[in-house]
Amino acid sequence: MKIAMTIAMALLALAPAADLELGKPVGDVALGKDSLAALTKEGKVVAVYFWSSDCPYGPPNYENIKKADATFADNAKVKIVLVSSFGEPEAKGVAWAKDSGIKSPMLFDGDKKLAKHFNPRKVNATFVIDAKGNLVYRGGIANDKENLLIEAIKAALDGKAAPASDQKFEGCGIRAS
């Protein structure tokens, strides 16, 4: 019986992360110096953007993340976090953020803890969690018409529905394992 239980636990640990559900609470996870639970307890809307400079689909969205960062840089009710789970060197990302004037923290997810938690599947995946800790947006950062990250954050701040989630978007694959 112990052997069967050990095998079952090992298989569960290796299973792919489940998708977070829209409208449902997002479990706590460390986001650099902060935790998601602490930020939402403070009444903050939290946006997590999976970024890459090495993926060819990342650079075309630089202007979108820079615009979102600038839009909410001085808003005490918003925390945007950029996450690299794709594997580029940390120094390269830090240099890009500095050169671009990005104020939001950049996290390098070498152990894939954040990728396992959010299950982004690919670069440019964006998650917005409202001040109650519920997932309100999951999808790409932008489409041809609008910056979906900005619109989702504004909707969360106003208590309104976010743009349609789960739309198709381009990005290189992120393996959480």
N, C-alpha and C. Protein backbone atom coordinates (compact mmCIF):
# COMPACT_ATOMS: atom_id res chain seq x y z
N MET A 1 0.82 -1.19 0.00
CA MET A 1 0.00 0.00 0.00
C MET A 1 0.87 1.26 0.00
N LYS A 2 1.95 1.26 0.80
CA LYS A 2 2.84 2.41 0.85
C LYS A 2 3.49 2.65 -0.51
N ILE A 3 3.85 1.57 -1.18
CA ILE A 3 4.49 1.70 -2.49
C ILE A 3 3.52 2.32 -3.48
N ALA A 4 2.29 1.87 -3.49
CA ALA A 4 1.27 2.41 -4.40
C ALA A 4 1.05 3.90 -4.13
N MET A 5 0.99 4.28 -2.86
CA MET A 5 0.79 5.68 -2.50
C MET A 5 1.99 6.51 -2.93
N THR A 6 3.20 6.00 -2.77
CA THR A 6 4.41 6.70 -3.18
C THR A 6 4.42 6.90 -4.69
N ILE A 7 4.06 5.88 -5.43
CA ILE A 7 4.01 5.98 -6.89
C ILE A 7 2.96 7.00 -7.31
N ALA A 8 1.80 6.96 -6.70
CA ALA A 8 0.73 7.91 -7.03
C ALA A 8 1.16 9.34 -6.76
N MET A 9 1.82 9.59 -5.64
CA MET A 9 2.29 10.94 -5.31
C MET A 9 3.35 11.41 -6.31
N ALA A 10 4.23 10.51 -6.71
CA ALA A 10 5.26 10.86 -7.68
C ALA A 10 4.64 11.22 -9.02
N LEU A 11 3.64 10.46 -9.45
CA LEU A 11 2.97 10.75 -10.72
C LEU A 11 2.24 12.09 -10.66
N LEU A 12 1.61 12.39 -9.55
CA LEU A 12 0.93 13.68 -9.41
C LEU A 12 1.93 14.83 -9.47
N ALA A 13 3.08 14.65 -8.88
CA ALA A 13 4.10 15.70 -8.90
C ALA A 13 4.60 15.96 -10.31
N LEU A 14 4.60 14.94 -11.16
CA LEU A 14 5.07 15.09 -12.53
C LEU A 14 3.99 15.51 -13.51
N ALA A 15 2.74 15.50 -13.07
CA ALA A 15 1.62 15.85 -13.95
C ALA A 15 1.72 17.32 -14.34
N PRO A 16 1.28 17.65 -15.56
CA PRO A 16 1.31 19.05 -15.97
C PRO A 16 0.38 19.89 -15.10
N ALA A 17 0.75 21.16 -14.94
CA ALA A 17 -0.08 22.06 -14.14
C ALA A 17 -1.44 22.24 -14.80
N ALA A 18 -2.45 22.32 -13.98
CA ALA A 18 -3.79 22.56 -14.50
C ALA A 18 -3.93 24.04 -14.83
N ASP A 19 -4.81 24.34 -15.77
CA ASP A 19 -5.07 25.73 -16.10
C ASP A 19 -5.77 26.42 -14.93
N LEU A 20 -5.40 27.65 -14.70
CA LEU A 20 -6.12 28.47 -13.73
C LEU A 20 -7.49 28.78 -14.34
N GLU A 21 -8.50 28.87 -13.50
CA GLU A 21 -9.85 29.11 -14.01
C GLU A 21 -10.24 30.57 -13.85
N LEU A 22 -10.81 31.13 -14.92
CA LEU A 22 -11.29 32.50 -14.87
C LEU A 22 -12.37 32.64 -13.81
N GLY A 23 -12.29 33.73 -13.04
CA GLY A 23 -13.27 33.98 -11.99
C GLY A 23 -13.00 33.25 -10.70
N LYS A 24 -11.97 32.41 -10.68
CA LYS A 24 -11.65 31.61 -9.49
C LYS A 24 -10.38 32.16 -8.83
N PRO A 25 -10.22 31.91 -7.52
CA PRO A 25 -9.01 32.37 -6.84
C PRO A 25 -7.74 31.73 -7.42
N VAL A 26 -6.68 32.51 -7.43
CA VAL A 26 -5.37 32.04 -7.86
C VAL A 26 -4.57 31.76 -6.59
N GLY A 27 -4.00 30.58 -6.49
CA GLY A 27 -3.21 30.22 -5.31
C GLY A 27 -2.03 31.14 -5.13
N ASP A 28 -1.56 31.21 -3.90
CA ASP A 28 -0.44 32.09 -3.57
C ASP A 28 0.85 31.58 -4.20
N VAL A 29 1.69 32.52 -4.58
CA VAL A 29 2.99 32.22 -5.15
C VAL A 29 3.89 33.43 -4.90
N ALA A 30 5.17 33.19 -4.71
CA ALA A 30 6.13 34.28 -4.53
C ALA A 30 6.34 34.99 -5.86
N LEU A 31 6.26 36.30 -5.82
CA LEU A 31 6.53 37.14 -6.99
C LEU A 31 7.67 38.08 -6.62
N GLY A 32 8.86 37.54 -6.58
CA GLY A 32 10.01 38.32 -6.14
C GLY A 32 9.93 38.56 -4.65
N LYS A 33 9.99 39.84 -4.23
CA LYS A 33 9.96 40.19 -2.81
C LYS A 33 8.55 40.09 -2.23
N ASP A 34 7.55 40.01 -3.08
CA ASP A 34 6.16 39.98 -2.63
C ASP A 34 5.54 38.62 -2.89
N SER A 35 4.40 38.39 -2.25
CA SER A 35 3.63 37.20 -2.59
C SER A 35 2.32 37.67 -3.22
N LEU A 36 1.76 36.85 -4.07
CA LEU A 36 0.50 37.21 -4.72
C LEU A 36 -0.57 37.48 -3.67
N ALA A 37 -0.67 36.63 -2.65
CA ALA A 37 -1.69 36.80 -1.61
C ALA A 37 -1.52 38.12 -0.87
N ALA A 38 -0.29 38.49 -0.55
CA ALA A 38 -0.04 39.75 0.16
C ALA A 38 -0.43 40.94 -0.71
N LEU A 39 -0.12 40.88 -1.99
CA LEU A 39 -0.46 41.99 -2.89
C LEU A 39 -1.97 42.16 -3.02
N THR A 40 -2.68 41.06 -3.22
CA THR A 40 -4.14 41.19 -3.36
C THR A 40 -4.78 41.54 -2.03
N LYS A 41 -4.20 41.12 -0.94
CA LYS A 41 -4.72 41.50 0.38
C LYS A 41 -4.61 43.01 0.58
N GLU A 42 -3.58 43.60 -0.04
CA GLU A 42 -3.40 45.06 0.00
C GLU A 42 -4.34 45.76 -0.97
N GLY A 43 -5.16 44.99 -1.70
CA GLY A 43 -6.10 45.58 -2.66
C GLY A 43 -5.50 45.89 -4.02
N LYS A 44 -4.40 45.23 -4.35
CA LYS A 44 -3.75 45.48 -5.65
C LYS A 44 -4.25 44.52 -6.72
N VAL A 45 -4.32 45.04 -7.93
CA VAL A 45 -4.52 44.22 -9.12
C VAL A 45 -3.12 43.80 -9.55
N VAL A 46 -2.94 42.52 -9.82
CA VAL A 46 -1.62 41.99 -10.17
C VAL A 46 -1.66 41.44 -11.59
N ALA A 47 -0.71 41.87 -12.40
CA ALA A 47 -0.58 41.36 -13.76
C ALA A 47 0.76 40.63 -13.88
N VAL A 48 0.72 39.44 -14.44
CA VAL A 48 1.93 38.64 -14.64
C VAL A 48 2.06 38.40 -16.15
N TYR A 49 3.18 38.87 -16.69
CA TYR A 49 3.42 38.77 -18.14
C TYR A 49 4.66 37.90 -18.37
N PHE A 50 4.51 36.84 -19.15
CA PHE A 50 5.63 35.95 -19.47
C PHE A 50 6.34 36.49 -20.71
N TRP A 51 7.57 36.91 -20.51
CA TRP A 51 8.35 37.71 -21.42
C TRP A 51 9.54 36.93 -21.96
N SER A 52 10.03 37.30 -23.13
CA SER A 52 11.29 36.75 -23.64
C SER A 52 11.88 37.67 -24.70
N SER A 53 13.18 37.78 -24.67
CA SER A 53 13.87 38.51 -25.73
C SER A 53 14.39 37.53 -26.77
N ASP A 54 14.54 36.26 -26.40
CA ASP A 54 15.07 35.26 -27.32
C ASP A 54 14.01 34.65 -28.23
N CYS A 55 12.77 34.68 -27.82
CA CYS A 55 11.68 34.19 -28.66
C CYS A 55 11.37 35.25 -29.72
N PRO A 56 11.28 34.88 -30.99
CA PRO A 56 11.01 35.89 -32.02
C PRO A 56 9.66 36.60 -31.86
N TYR A 57 8.75 36.03 -31.09
CA TYR A 57 7.45 36.67 -30.87
C TYR A 57 7.48 37.64 -29.69
N GLY A 58 8.56 37.64 -28.91
CA GLY A 58 8.67 38.54 -27.77
C GLY A 58 8.91 39.99 -28.17
N PRO A 59 9.98 40.27 -28.94
CA PRO A 59 10.28 41.66 -29.29
C PRO A 59 9.13 42.45 -29.94
N PRO A 60 8.30 41.85 -30.79
CA PRO A 60 7.19 42.66 -31.34
C PRO A 60 6.23 43.18 -30.26
N ASN A 61 6.26 42.61 -29.07
CA ASN A 61 5.38 43.06 -28.00
C ASN A 61 6.07 43.97 -26.99
N TYR A 62 7.31 44.33 -27.23
CA TYR A 62 8.02 45.22 -26.32
C TYR A 62 7.24 46.52 -26.09
N GLU A 63 6.74 47.10 -27.17
CA GLU A 63 6.01 48.37 -27.02
C GLU A 63 4.76 48.18 -26.19
N ASN A 64 4.11 47.02 -26.29
CA ASN A 64 2.90 46.77 -25.50
C ASN A 64 3.21 46.70 -24.01
N ILE A 65 4.29 46.02 -23.63
CA ILE A 65 4.61 45.93 -22.21
C ILE A 65 5.15 47.26 -21.71
N LYS A 66 5.91 47.97 -22.53
CA LYS A 66 6.41 49.28 -22.11
C LYS A 66 5.24 50.24 -21.89
N LYS A 67 4.24 50.19 -22.75
CA LYS A 67 3.07 51.07 -22.61
C LYS A 67 2.29 50.72 -21.34
N ALA A 68 2.09 49.44 -21.08
CA ALA A 68 1.38 49.03 -19.85
C ALA A 68 2.17 49.45 -18.62
N ASP A 69 3.48 49.25 -18.65
CA ASP A 69 4.33 49.63 -17.53
C ASP A 69 4.23 51.13 -17.27
N ALA A 70 4.32 51.93 -18.31
CA ALA A 70 4.24 53.39 -18.16
C ALA A 70 2.85 53.83 -17.69
N THR A 71 1.82 53.17 -18.19
CA THR A 71 0.44 53.54 -17.83
C THR A 71 0.19 53.36 -16.34
N PHE A 72 0.74 52.31 -15.74
CA PHE A 72 0.43 51.98 -14.35
C PHE A 72 1.61 52.17 -13.39
N ALA A 73 2.71 52.74 -13.86
CA ALA A 73 3.92 52.87 -13.03
C ALA A 73 3.67 53.60 -11.72
N ASP A 74 2.81 54.60 -11.73
CA ASP A 74 2.57 55.40 -10.52
C ASP A 74 1.26 55.05 -9.85
N ASN A 75 0.64 53.94 -10.25
CA ASN A 75 -0.64 53.54 -9.67
C ASN A 75 -0.38 52.55 -8.53
N ALA A 76 -0.63 52.98 -7.30
CA ALA A 76 -0.36 52.14 -6.13
C ALA A 76 -1.27 50.92 -6.05
N LYS A 77 -2.31 50.88 -6.87
CA LYS A 77 -3.25 49.75 -6.85
C LYS A 77 -2.92 48.68 -7.88
N VAL A 78 -1.79 48.85 -8.60
CA VAL A 78 -1.43 47.91 -9.66
C VAL A 78 0.01 47.46 -9.50
N LYS A 79 0.22 46.16 -9.68
CA LYS A 79 1.57 45.59 -9.68
C LYS A 79 1.70 44.74 -10.94
N ILE A 80 2.59 45.14 -11.84
CA ILE A 80 2.90 44.35 -13.03
C ILE A 80 4.23 43.66 -12.79
N VAL A 81 4.28 42.37 -13.10
CA VAL A 81 5.51 41.59 -12.94
C VAL A 81 5.83 40.93 -14.27
N LEU A 82 7.05 41.10 -14.76
CA LEU A 82 7.51 40.44 -15.97
C LEU A 82 8.28 39.19 -15.57
N VAL A 83 7.98 38.08 -16.21
CA VAL A 83 8.60 36.81 -15.87
C VAL A 83 9.26 36.22 -17.10
N SER A 84 10.51 35.81 -16.96
CA SER A 84 11.20 35.09 -18.01
C SER A 84 11.32 33.63 -17.60
N SER A 85 10.58 32.78 -18.29
CA SER A 85 10.68 31.33 -18.07
C SER A 85 11.20 30.64 -19.32
N PHE A 86 11.61 31.42 -20.31
CA PHE A 86 12.03 30.86 -21.59
C PHE A 86 13.49 30.46 -21.60
N GLY A 87 14.31 31.08 -20.74
CA GLY A 87 15.68 30.64 -20.60
C GLY A 87 16.77 31.60 -21.00
N GLU A 88 16.43 32.83 -21.40
CA GLU A 88 17.51 33.75 -21.75
C GLU A 88 18.29 34.17 -20.51
N PRO A 89 19.52 34.63 -20.70
CA PRO A 89 20.34 35.04 -19.55
C PRO A 89 19.71 36.22 -18.81
N GLU A 90 19.79 36.19 -17.50
CA GLU A 90 19.21 37.25 -16.68
C GLU A 90 19.80 38.62 -17.03
N ALA A 91 21.09 38.68 -17.26
CA ALA A 91 21.74 39.95 -17.57
C ALA A 91 21.14 40.60 -18.82
N LYS A 92 20.78 39.79 -19.78
CA LYS A 92 20.19 40.31 -21.02
C LYS A 92 18.84 40.97 -20.74
N GLY A 93 18.02 40.34 -19.93
CA GLY A 93 16.71 40.90 -19.58
C GLY A 93 16.82 42.15 -18.74
N VAL A 94 17.74 42.14 -17.78
CA VAL A 94 17.95 43.30 -16.92
C VAL A 94 18.41 44.49 -17.75
N ALA A 95 19.32 44.24 -18.68
CA ALA A 95 19.81 45.32 -19.55
C ALA A 95 18.68 45.88 -20.41
N TRP A 96 17.85 44.99 -20.98
CA TRP A 96 16.73 45.45 -21.79
C TRP A 96 15.77 46.30 -20.95
N ALA A 97 15.44 45.85 -19.76
CA ALA A 97 14.50 46.59 -18.90
C ALA A 97 15.06 47.97 -18.57
N LYS A 98 16.34 48.01 -18.25
CA LYS A 98 16.97 49.29 -17.91
C LYS A 98 16.96 50.21 -19.13
N ASP A 99 17.38 49.70 -20.28
CA ASP A 99 17.42 50.51 -21.50
C ASP A 99 16.03 50.98 -21.93
N SER A 100 15.01 50.18 -21.61
CA SER A 100 13.64 50.50 -22.01
C SER A 100 12.90 51.36 -20.99
N GLY A 101 13.51 51.57 -19.83
CA GLY A 101 12.86 52.36 -18.80
C GLY A 101 11.76 51.62 -18.06
N ILE A 102 11.79 50.29 -18.10
CA ILE A 102 10.78 49.48 -17.41
C ILE A 102 10.96 49.63 -15.90
N LYS A 103 9.87 49.95 -15.23
CA LYS A 103 9.91 50.09 -13.77
C LYS A 103 9.42 48.84 -13.05
N SER A 104 8.63 48.03 -13.74
CA SER A 104 8.09 46.81 -13.14
C SER A 104 9.22 45.81 -12.89
N PRO A 105 9.08 45.00 -11.84
CA PRO A 105 10.13 44.01 -11.58
C PRO A 105 10.17 42.92 -12.65
N MET A 106 11.39 42.45 -12.90
CA MET A 106 11.60 41.34 -13.82
C MET A 106 12.08 40.15 -12.99
N LEU A 107 11.40 39.04 -13.16
CA LEU A 107 11.78 37.82 -12.43
C LEU A 107 12.29 36.79 -13.42
N PHE A 108 13.35 36.10 -13.05
CA PHE A 108 13.91 35.06 -13.90
C PHE A 108 13.60 33.72 -13.26
N ASP A 109 12.79 32.97 -13.96
CA ASP A 109 12.16 31.75 -13.46
C ASP A 109 12.94 30.51 -13.89
N GLY A 110 14.20 30.46 -13.48
CA GLY A 110 15.06 29.34 -13.88
C GLY A 110 14.56 27.99 -13.40
N ASP A 111 13.95 27.97 -12.23
CA ASP A 111 13.43 26.71 -11.69
C ASP A 111 12.00 26.42 -12.15
N LYS A 112 11.43 27.31 -12.92
CA LYS A 112 10.09 27.17 -13.53
C LYS A 112 8.95 27.14 -12.50
N LYS A 113 9.19 27.65 -11.29
CA LYS A 113 8.11 27.67 -10.29
C LYS A 113 6.92 28.50 -10.75
N LEU A 114 7.20 29.66 -11.34
CA LEU A 114 6.10 30.51 -11.81
C LEU A 114 5.42 29.90 -13.03
N ALA A 115 6.21 29.31 -13.91
CA ALA A 115 5.62 28.65 -15.08
C ALA A 115 4.73 27.48 -14.64
N LYS A 116 5.17 26.74 -13.64
CA LYS A 116 4.35 25.64 -13.14
C LYS A 116 3.07 26.16 -12.48
N HIS A 117 3.17 27.28 -11.80
CA HIS A 117 2.00 27.83 -11.10
C HIS A 117 0.96 28.39 -12.08
N PHE A 118 1.42 29.17 -13.06
CA PHE A 118 0.49 29.83 -13.98
C PHE A 118 0.20 29.01 -15.24
N ASN A 119 1.09 28.10 -15.59
CA ASN A 119 0.94 27.27 -16.78
C ASN A 119 0.71 28.12 -18.05
N PRO A 120 1.66 29.01 -18.37
CA PRO A 120 1.45 29.92 -19.49
C PRO A 120 1.50 29.29 -20.88
N ARG A 121 2.17 28.20 -21.01
CA ARG A 121 2.36 27.47 -22.27
C ARG A 121 3.27 28.18 -23.27
N LYS A 122 3.17 29.53 -23.37
CA LYS A 122 4.05 30.21 -24.31
C LYS A 122 4.33 31.65 -23.91
N VAL A 123 5.41 32.18 -24.49
CA VAL A 123 5.80 33.58 -24.29
C VAL A 123 4.65 34.47 -24.75
N ASN A 124 4.49 35.60 -24.09
CA ASN A 124 3.45 36.61 -24.30
C ASN A 124 2.16 36.27 -23.56
N ALA A 125 2.15 35.17 -22.82
CA ALA A 125 0.97 34.86 -21.99
C ALA A 125 0.88 35.89 -20.88
N THR A 126 -0.34 36.31 -20.61
CA THR A 126 -0.61 37.37 -19.64
C THR A 126 -1.72 36.94 -18.70
N PHE A 127 -1.55 37.19 -17.42
CA PHE A 127 -2.54 36.84 -16.41
C PHE A 127 -2.82 38.09 -15.58
N VAL A 128 -4.10 38.39 -15.35
CA VAL A 128 -4.47 39.52 -14.49
C VAL A 128 -5.34 38.97 -13.37
N ILE A 129 -4.92 39.29 -12.15
CA ILE A 129 -5.62 38.85 -10.94
C ILE A 129 -6.18 40.09 -10.27
N ASP A 130 -7.48 40.07 -9.95
CA ASP A 130 -8.10 41.25 -9.34
C ASP A 130 -7.72 41.37 -7.87
N ALA A 131 -8.16 42.44 -7.24
CA ALA A 131 -7.79 42.73 -5.85
C ALA A 131 -8.39 41.73 -4.86
N LYS A 132 -9.30 40.88 -5.33
CA LYS A 132 -9.87 39.83 -4.48
C LYS A 132 -9.11 38.52 -4.64
N GLY A 133 -8.12 38.50 -5.56
CA GLY A 133 -7.32 37.30 -5.78
C GLY A 133 -7.86 36.36 -6.84
N ASN A 134 -8.83 36.83 -7.63
CA ASN A 134 -9.44 35.99 -8.67
C ASN A 134 -8.83 36.29 -10.04
N LEU A 135 -8.67 35.26 -10.84
CA LEU A 135 -8.17 35.43 -12.20
C LEU A 135 -9.27 36.06 -13.06
N VAL A 136 -8.97 37.23 -13.63
CA VAL A 136 -9.97 37.91 -14.47
C VAL A 136 -9.57 37.94 -15.94
N TYR A 137 -8.30 37.68 -16.22
CA TYR A 137 -7.86 37.66 -17.61
C TYR A 137 -6.71 36.68 -17.76
N ARG A 138 -6.77 35.92 -18.86
CA ARG A 138 -5.71 34.98 -19.22
C ARG A 138 -5.68 34.96 -20.75
N GLY A 139 -4.56 35.36 -21.31
CA GLY A 139 -4.46 35.38 -22.77
C GLY A 139 -3.22 36.11 -23.22
N GLY A 140 -3.23 36.62 -24.43
CA GLY A 140 -2.09 37.36 -24.97
C GLY A 140 -2.08 38.79 -24.45
N ILE A 141 -0.96 39.46 -24.66
CA ILE A 141 -0.82 40.83 -24.16
C ILE A 141 -1.58 41.83 -25.03
N ALA A 142 -1.73 41.54 -26.31
CA ALA A 142 -2.37 42.49 -27.21
C ALA A 142 -2.89 41.77 -28.45
N ASN A 143 -3.76 42.46 -29.15
CA ASN A 143 -4.16 42.00 -30.48
C ASN A 143 -3.93 43.17 -31.44
N ASP A 144 -4.43 43.06 -32.65
CA ASP A 144 -4.19 44.12 -33.64
C ASP A 144 -4.86 45.44 -33.27
N LYS A 145 -5.87 45.39 -32.41
CA LYS A 145 -6.66 46.58 -32.11
C LYS A 145 -6.33 47.25 -30.79
N GLU A 146 -5.92 46.46 -29.78
CA GLU A 146 -5.75 47.06 -28.46
C GLU A 146 -4.73 46.31 -27.61
N ASN A 147 -4.27 47.02 -26.59
CA ASN A 147 -3.39 46.43 -25.59
C ASN A 147 -4.31 45.77 -24.56
N LEU A 148 -4.43 44.45 -24.66
CA LEU A 148 -5.35 43.71 -23.81
C LEU A 148 -4.92 43.73 -22.34
N LEU A 149 -3.63 43.82 -22.08
CA LEU A 149 -3.16 43.91 -20.71
C LEU A 149 -3.67 45.20 -20.06
N ILE A 150 -3.52 46.32 -20.73
CA ILE A 150 -4.01 47.59 -20.18
C ILE A 150 -5.52 47.52 -19.96
N GLU A 151 -6.24 47.01 -20.96
CA GLU A 151 -7.70 46.94 -20.84
C GLU A 151 -8.13 46.02 -19.70
N ALA A 152 -7.43 44.90 -19.51
CA ALA A 152 -7.78 43.96 -18.44
C ALA A 152 -7.50 44.57 -17.07
N ILE A 153 -6.40 45.30 -16.94
CA ILE A 153 -6.09 45.95 -15.65
C ILE A 153 -7.13 47.03 -15.36
N LYS A 154 -7.45 47.85 -16.35
CA LYS A 154 -8.46 48.89 -16.15
C LYS A 154 -9.80 48.28 -15.73
N ALA A 155 -10.19 47.20 -16.38
CA ALA A 155 -11.45 46.52 -16.04
C ALA A 155 -11.41 46.01 -14.61
N ALA A 156 -10.30 45.41 -14.20
CA ALA A 156 -10.19 44.90 -12.83
C ALA A 156 -10.26 46.04 -11.82
N LEU A 157 -9.63 47.16 -12.11
CA LEU A 157 -9.68 48.32 -11.21
C LEU A 157 -11.10 48.86 -11.08
N ASP A 158 -11.84 48.82 -12.19
CA ASP A 158 -13.21 49.36 -12.22
C ASP A 158 -14.27 48.34 -11.84
N GLY A 159 -13.86 47.09 -11.57
CA GLY A 159 -14.82 46.04 -11.24
C GLY A 159 -15.68 45.63 -12.41
N LYS A 160 -15.16 45.80 -13.62
CA LYS A 160 -15.89 45.45 -14.84
C LYS A 160 -15.30 44.19 -15.46
N ALA A 161 -15.99 43.67 -16.45
CA ALA A 161 -15.51 42.48 -17.15
C ALA A 161 -14.27 42.82 -17.97
N ALA A 162 -13.30 41.92 -17.93
CA ALA A 162 -12.07 42.08 -18.70
C ALA A 162 -12.33 41.70 -20.16
N PRO A 163 -11.41 42.05 -21.06
CA PRO A 163 -11.56 41.61 -22.45
C PRO A 163 -11.66 40.08 -22.52
N ALA A 164 -12.17 39.58 -23.60
CA ALA A 164 -12.30 38.13 -23.78
C ALA A 164 -10.94 37.47 -23.58
N SER A 165 -10.92 36.44 -22.77
CA SER A 165 -9.69 35.71 -22.48
C SER A 165 -9.51 34.54 -23.43
N ASP A 166 -8.33 33.96 -23.34
CA ASP A 166 -8.01 32.74 -24.07
C ASP A 166 -7.98 32.90 -25.59
N GLN A 167 -7.88 34.12 -26.08
CA GLN A 167 -7.77 34.29 -27.52
C GLN A 167 -6.44 33.73 -27.99
N LYS A 168 -6.35 33.40 -29.23
CA LYS A 168 -5.10 32.86 -29.76
C LYS A 168 -4.09 33.99 -29.88
N PHE A 169 -2.83 33.68 -29.58
CA PHE A 169 -1.76 34.64 -29.74
C PHE A 169 -0.49 33.88 -30.03
N GLU A 170 0.48 34.60 -30.57
CA GLU A 170 1.74 33.98 -30.96
C GLU A 170 2.76 34.05 -29.83
N GLY A 171 3.56 33.01 -29.71
CA GLY A 171 4.61 32.96 -28.71
C GLY A 171 5.32 31.61 -28.76
N CYS A 172 6.56 31.61 -28.33
CA CYS A 172 7.33 30.37 -28.27
C CYS A 172 6.89 29.57 -27.05
N GLY A 173 6.96 28.27 -27.15
CA GLY A 173 6.52 27.41 -26.07
C GLY A 173 7.37 27.53 -24.81
N ILE A 174 6.69 27.44 -23.67
CA ILE A 174 7.35 27.41 -22.36
C ILE A 174 7.02 26.08 -21.73
N ARG A 175 8.03 25.31 -21.42
CA ARG A 175 7.80 24.02 -20.75
C ARG A 175 7.99 24.24 -19.26
N ALA A 176 6.97 23.88 -18.51
CA ALA A 176 7.04 24.07 -17.07
C ALA A 176 7.75 22.93 -16.37
N SER A 177 8.14 21.91 -17.10
CA SER A 177 8.81 20.78 -16.45
C SER A 177 10.31 20.90 -16.56
